[in-house]
């Protein structure tokens, strides 16, 4: 039975998203850099009694990430949904980081998502269904977070590009933009944020959203803050 793949399944949003999809009975494939992170996430998901596959890969390592996605598909079938949640979150001002560090951050924040989408979305498009959801952030750039601001701006553009390429074939490409520090028991509780991913995945095609903003304010159940609408093959806004 196809299920959900969570790339960047660490504590916080990744783990909560995995649990949210497992709660609906979907098998879960977890991808993270460290065995310890995977073990913790797998334990958190196991309570729901669904099949869980734990795979080690660095999202900036194209070969390893593609191999992990292949292994997940071999175990569970072509996924219904892939969530890309990997990011390098660090404070840096203009010129503070050397070019190499900026490139390393870009590789995780943006290129890893592109690699995952290019590897899995074409098969989803051939099937005619699926969701590819990226964790976004920084709706307004901040000079104290240069690499993250650039990366999240890249995520927003990447979602638009992937929607152009795969949306007309039935793949829902979207992002959840988180405008604050994630912490349990706050307005940015990861369990609350995870609800956006489930709602995006289950939206009827005529109601697809391309971006949902979690700003920390109270949002009625079943709703989200729409930032962008997707388009169908004919170009009409939906």
Protein backbone atom coordinates (compact mmCIF):
# COMPACT_ATOMS: atom_id res chain seq x y z
CA UNK A 1 0.00 0.00 0.00
CA UNK A 2 1.51 3.38 -0.97
CA UNK A 3 2.11 5.80 1.85
CA UNK A 4 4.05 8.89 2.88
CA UNK A 5 7.75 9.69 2.66
CA UNK A 6 9.14 12.27 5.08
CA UNK A 7 12.58 13.64 4.20
CA UNK A 8 14.10 15.37 7.20
CA UNK A 9 12.28 13.29 9.79
CA UNK A 10 13.88 14.88 12.84
CA UNK A 11 12.23 16.11 16.03
CA UNK A 12 9.72 18.84 15.36
CA UNK A 13 7.77 19.16 12.14
CA UNK A 14 9.16 16.05 10.43
CA UNK A 15 8.20 13.71 13.23
CA UNK A 16 4.80 15.34 13.72
CA UNK A 17 4.00 15.11 10.01
CA UNK A 18 4.96 11.42 9.98
CA UNK A 19 2.70 10.78 12.96
CA UNK A 20 -0.15 12.73 11.37
CA UNK A 21 -0.09 10.64 8.20
CA UNK A 22 0.40 7.41 10.16
CA UNK A 23 -2.68 8.29 12.20
CA UNK A 24 -4.66 7.99 8.97
CA UNK A 25 -3.23 4.52 8.37
CA UNK A 26 -0.59 5.39 5.78
CA UNK A 27 2.68 3.43 5.82
CA UNK A 28 5.59 5.77 6.51
CA UNK A 29 9.11 6.00 5.09
CA UNK A 30 11.43 8.16 7.18
CA UNK A 31 14.61 9.66 5.73
CA UNK A 32 17.19 11.44 7.89
CA UNK A 33 20.95 11.82 8.20
CA UNK A 34 21.51 9.98 11.48
CA UNK A 35 20.50 6.58 12.78
CA UNK A 36 19.61 8.05 16.16
CA UNK A 37 17.19 10.55 14.64
CA UNK A 38 15.58 7.79 12.60
CA UNK A 39 15.22 5.51 15.61
CA UNK A 40 13.46 8.22 17.61
CA UNK A 41 11.13 9.07 14.73
CA UNK A 42 10.35 5.41 14.01
CA UNK A 43 9.47 4.85 17.67
CA UNK A 44 7.16 7.87 17.62
CA UNK A 45 5.34 6.53 14.56
CA UNK A 46 5.23 2.87 15.60
CA UNK A 47 2.37 3.48 18.04
CA UNK A 48 -0.02 3.74 15.09
CA UNK A 49 0.71 0.20 13.92
CA UNK A 50 1.55 1.08 10.32
CA UNK A 51 4.56 -0.22 8.37
CA UNK A 52 7.59 2.04 8.97
CA UNK A 53 10.75 2.13 6.86
CA UNK A 54 13.75 4.06 8.20
CA UNK A 55 16.40 5.12 5.69
CA UNK A 56 19.63 7.04 6.22
CA UNK A 57 20.53 9.72 3.66
CA UNK A 58 21.86 13.27 3.58
CA UNK A 59 19.49 15.36 1.48
CA UNK A 60 22.47 17.18 -0.03
CA UNK A 61 23.90 13.87 -1.31
CA UNK A 62 22.05 13.30 -4.58
CA UNK A 63 23.07 9.66 -4.94
CA UNK A 64 22.13 8.77 -1.37
CA UNK A 65 18.81 10.62 -1.51
CA UNK A 66 17.77 9.00 -4.79
CA UNK A 67 18.75 5.57 -3.41
CA UNK A 68 16.67 6.17 -0.28
CA UNK A 69 13.65 7.18 -2.35
CA UNK A 70 14.05 4.05 -4.46
CA UNK A 71 14.27 1.91 -1.33
CA UNK A 72 11.11 3.52 0.06
CA UNK A 73 9.25 2.82 -3.19
CA UNK A 74 10.53 -0.75 -3.26
CA UNK A 75 9.18 -1.32 0.25
CA UNK A 76 5.91 0.61 0.13
CA UNK A 77 5.19 1.35 -3.52
CA UNK A 78 5.12 4.72 -5.24
CA UNK A 79 4.21 7.12 -2.41
CA UNK A 80 0.97 9.06 -2.20
CA UNK A 81 2.81 12.00 -0.66
CA UNK A 82 6.40 13.14 -0.23
CA UNK A 83 7.21 15.80 2.37
CA UNK A 84 10.56 17.59 2.10
CA UNK A 85 11.36 19.00 5.53
CA UNK A 86 15.18 19.20 5.47
CA UNK A 87 16.81 22.58 6.11
CA UNK A 88 19.88 24.24 7.55
CA UNK A 89 18.60 26.80 10.04
CA UNK A 90 21.28 29.21 11.14
CA UNK A 91 21.72 32.90 11.90
CA UNK A 92 24.04 34.70 9.47
CA UNK A 93 24.28 38.28 8.30
CA UNK A 94 25.28 39.47 4.82
CA UNK A 95 28.86 38.41 4.14
CA UNK A 96 29.25 36.53 7.41
CA UNK A 97 29.34 33.07 5.85
CA UNK A 98 31.94 32.08 3.26
CA UNK A 99 30.61 31.16 -0.16
CA UNK A 100 31.09 27.45 0.54
CA UNK A 101 28.80 27.60 3.58
CA UNK A 102 26.15 29.47 1.60
CA UNK A 103 26.30 26.81 -1.10
CA UNK A 104 26.04 24.04 1.51
CA UNK A 105 22.90 25.64 2.93
CA UNK A 106 21.40 26.08 -0.54
CA UNK A 107 22.10 22.43 -1.31
CA UNK A 108 19.97 21.30 1.63
CA UNK A 109 17.34 24.02 1.64
CA UNK A 110 16.54 23.99 -2.08
CA UNK A 111 18.52 21.55 -4.24
CA UNK A 112 17.64 18.52 -2.11
CA UNK A 113 13.95 19.29 -2.64
CA UNK A 114 14.53 19.61 -6.38
CA UNK A 115 16.41 16.29 -6.43
CA UNK A 116 13.58 14.53 -4.59
CA UNK A 117 10.90 16.02 -6.82
CA UNK A 118 12.76 15.24 -10.03
CA UNK A 119 13.18 11.65 -8.86
CA UNK A 120 9.64 10.90 -7.71
CA UNK A 121 7.20 13.41 -9.24
CA UNK A 122 7.41 12.12 -12.85
CA UNK A 123 6.10 8.73 -11.72
CA UNK A 124 3.36 10.46 -9.72
CA UNK A 125 2.46 12.42 -12.86
CA UNK A 126 2.26 9.23 -14.92
CA UNK A 127 -0.05 7.78 -12.27
CA UNK A 128 -2.08 11.00 -12.26
CA UNK A 129 -2.02 11.65 -8.52
CA UNK A 130 0.19 12.47 -5.56
CA UNK A 131 1.36 15.31 -3.34
CA UNK A 132 4.81 16.86 -3.00
CA UNK A 133 4.93 19.27 -0.06
CA UNK A 134 7.93 21.34 1.05
CA UNK A 135 8.40 23.04 4.40
CA UNK A 136 8.87 26.74 3.75
CA UNK A 137 9.55 29.71 5.97
CA UNK A 138 10.70 33.32 6.11
CA UNK A 139 7.74 34.92 4.32
CA UNK A 140 9.68 38.16 4.76
CA UNK A 141 13.49 38.02 4.37
CA UNK A 142 15.57 38.95 7.40
CA UNK A 143 19.13 40.25 7.21
CA UNK A 144 19.97 38.24 10.36
CA UNK A 145 19.13 35.00 8.48
CA UNK A 146 20.60 35.43 5.03
CA UNK A 147 21.10 31.78 4.02
CA UNK A 148 17.68 30.77 5.32
CA UNK A 149 15.95 33.75 3.70
CA UNK A 150 17.55 32.92 0.36
CA UNK A 151 16.71 29.25 0.75
CA UNK A 152 13.06 29.78 1.59
CA UNK A 153 12.69 32.24 -1.28
CA UNK A 154 14.10 29.47 -3.45
CA UNK A 155 11.56 27.03 -2.04
CA UNK A 156 8.71 29.34 -3.01
CA UNK A 157 9.99 29.62 -6.57
CA UNK A 158 10.67 25.88 -6.76
CA UNK A 159 7.07 25.11 -5.77
CA UNK A 160 5.85 27.35 -8.61
CA UNK A 161 8.15 25.63 -11.10
CA UNK A 162 7.19 22.12 -9.99
CA UNK A 163 3.52 23.04 -10.12
CA UNK A 164 3.96 24.21 -13.70
CA UNK A 165 5.66 20.95 -14.61
CA UNK A 166 3.63 18.35 -12.72
CA UNK A 167 0.42 20.07 -11.56
CA UNK A 168 -1.46 19.61 -14.86
CA UNK A 169 -0.85 15.85 -14.56
CA UNK A 170 -2.45 15.65 -11.13
CA UNK A 171 0.46 16.19 -8.73
CA UNK A 172 -0.33 18.68 -5.97
CA UNK A 173 2.85 20.66 -5.28
CA UNK A 174 2.68 22.99 -2.29
CA UNK A 175 4.55 24.44 0.65
CA UNK A 176 3.77 25.08 4.29
CA UNK A 177 5.40 28.36 5.26
CA UNK A 178 6.19 28.51 8.96
CA UNK A 179 6.66 32.06 10.21
CA UNK A 180 8.22 31.45 13.60
CA UNK A 181 10.30 29.15 15.81
CA UNK A 182 8.80 25.67 16.16
CA UNK A 183 8.30 24.45 19.73
CA UNK A 184 5.71 22.21 21.44
CA UNK A 185 3.07 24.02 23.45
CA UNK A 186 3.46 27.30 21.58
CA UNK A 187 1.64 28.94 18.69
CA UNK A 188 4.11 27.05 16.50
CA UNK A 189 3.49 23.61 17.95
CA UNK A 190 4.67 21.02 15.39
CA UNK A 191 1.53 18.92 15.85
CA UNK A 192 -0.60 21.92 14.87
CA UNK A 193 1.64 22.69 11.89
CA UNK A 194 1.39 19.06 10.74
CA UNK A 195 -2.34 19.52 10.20
CA UNK A 196 -1.59 21.81 7.24
CA UNK A 197 0.27 19.00 5.45
CA UNK A 198 -2.62 16.61 5.83
CA UNK A 199 -5.14 19.19 4.63
CA UNK A 200 -3.03 20.03 1.59
CA UNK A 201 -2.70 16.36 0.72
CA UNK A 202 -6.42 15.72 0.98
CA UNK A 203 -7.67 18.88 -0.76
CA UNK A 204 -9.93 18.31 -3.79
CA UNK A 205 -8.13 19.36 -6.94
CA UNK A 206 -10.44 22.29 -7.57
CA UNK A 207 -9.44 23.66 -4.14
CA UNK A 208 -5.69 23.10 -4.32
CA UNK A 209 -3.52 25.65 -2.53
CA UNK A 210 0.09 26.17 -3.54
CA UNK A 211 1.20 27.73 -0.24
CA UNK A 212 -0.22 27.81 3.26
CA UNK A 213 1.14 30.20 5.89
CA UNK A 214 1.31 29.20 9.54
CA UNK A 215 1.68 32.55 11.26
CA UNK A 216 0.90 31.42 14.79
CA UNK A 217 -2.55 32.96 14.90
CA UNK A 218 -5.58 30.81 15.57
CA UNK A 219 -6.96 29.17 12.44
CA UNK A 220 -10.32 27.33 12.49
CA UNK A 221 -10.10 23.59 12.02
CA UNK A 222 -9.97 22.60 8.37
CA UNK A 223 -8.76 26.00 7.19
CA UNK A 224 -5.46 27.63 6.39
CA UNK A 225 -4.13 30.95 5.23
CA UNK A 226 -3.97 30.81 1.45
CA UNK A 227 -0.93 32.49 -0.05
CA UNK A 228 -1.05 31.09 -3.59
CA UNK A 229 -3.50 29.16 -5.71
CA UNK A 230 -2.46 26.55 -8.20
CA UNK A 231 -3.58 26.36 -11.81
CA UNK A 232 -4.92 23.60 -13.99
CA UNK A 233 -3.66 22.62 -17.44
CA UNK A 234 -5.74 25.32 -19.04
CA UNK A 235 -4.21 28.05 -16.92
CA UNK A 236 -7.33 28.94 -14.91
CA UNK A 237 -6.73 29.81 -11.28
CA UNK A 238 -8.21 27.19 -9.00
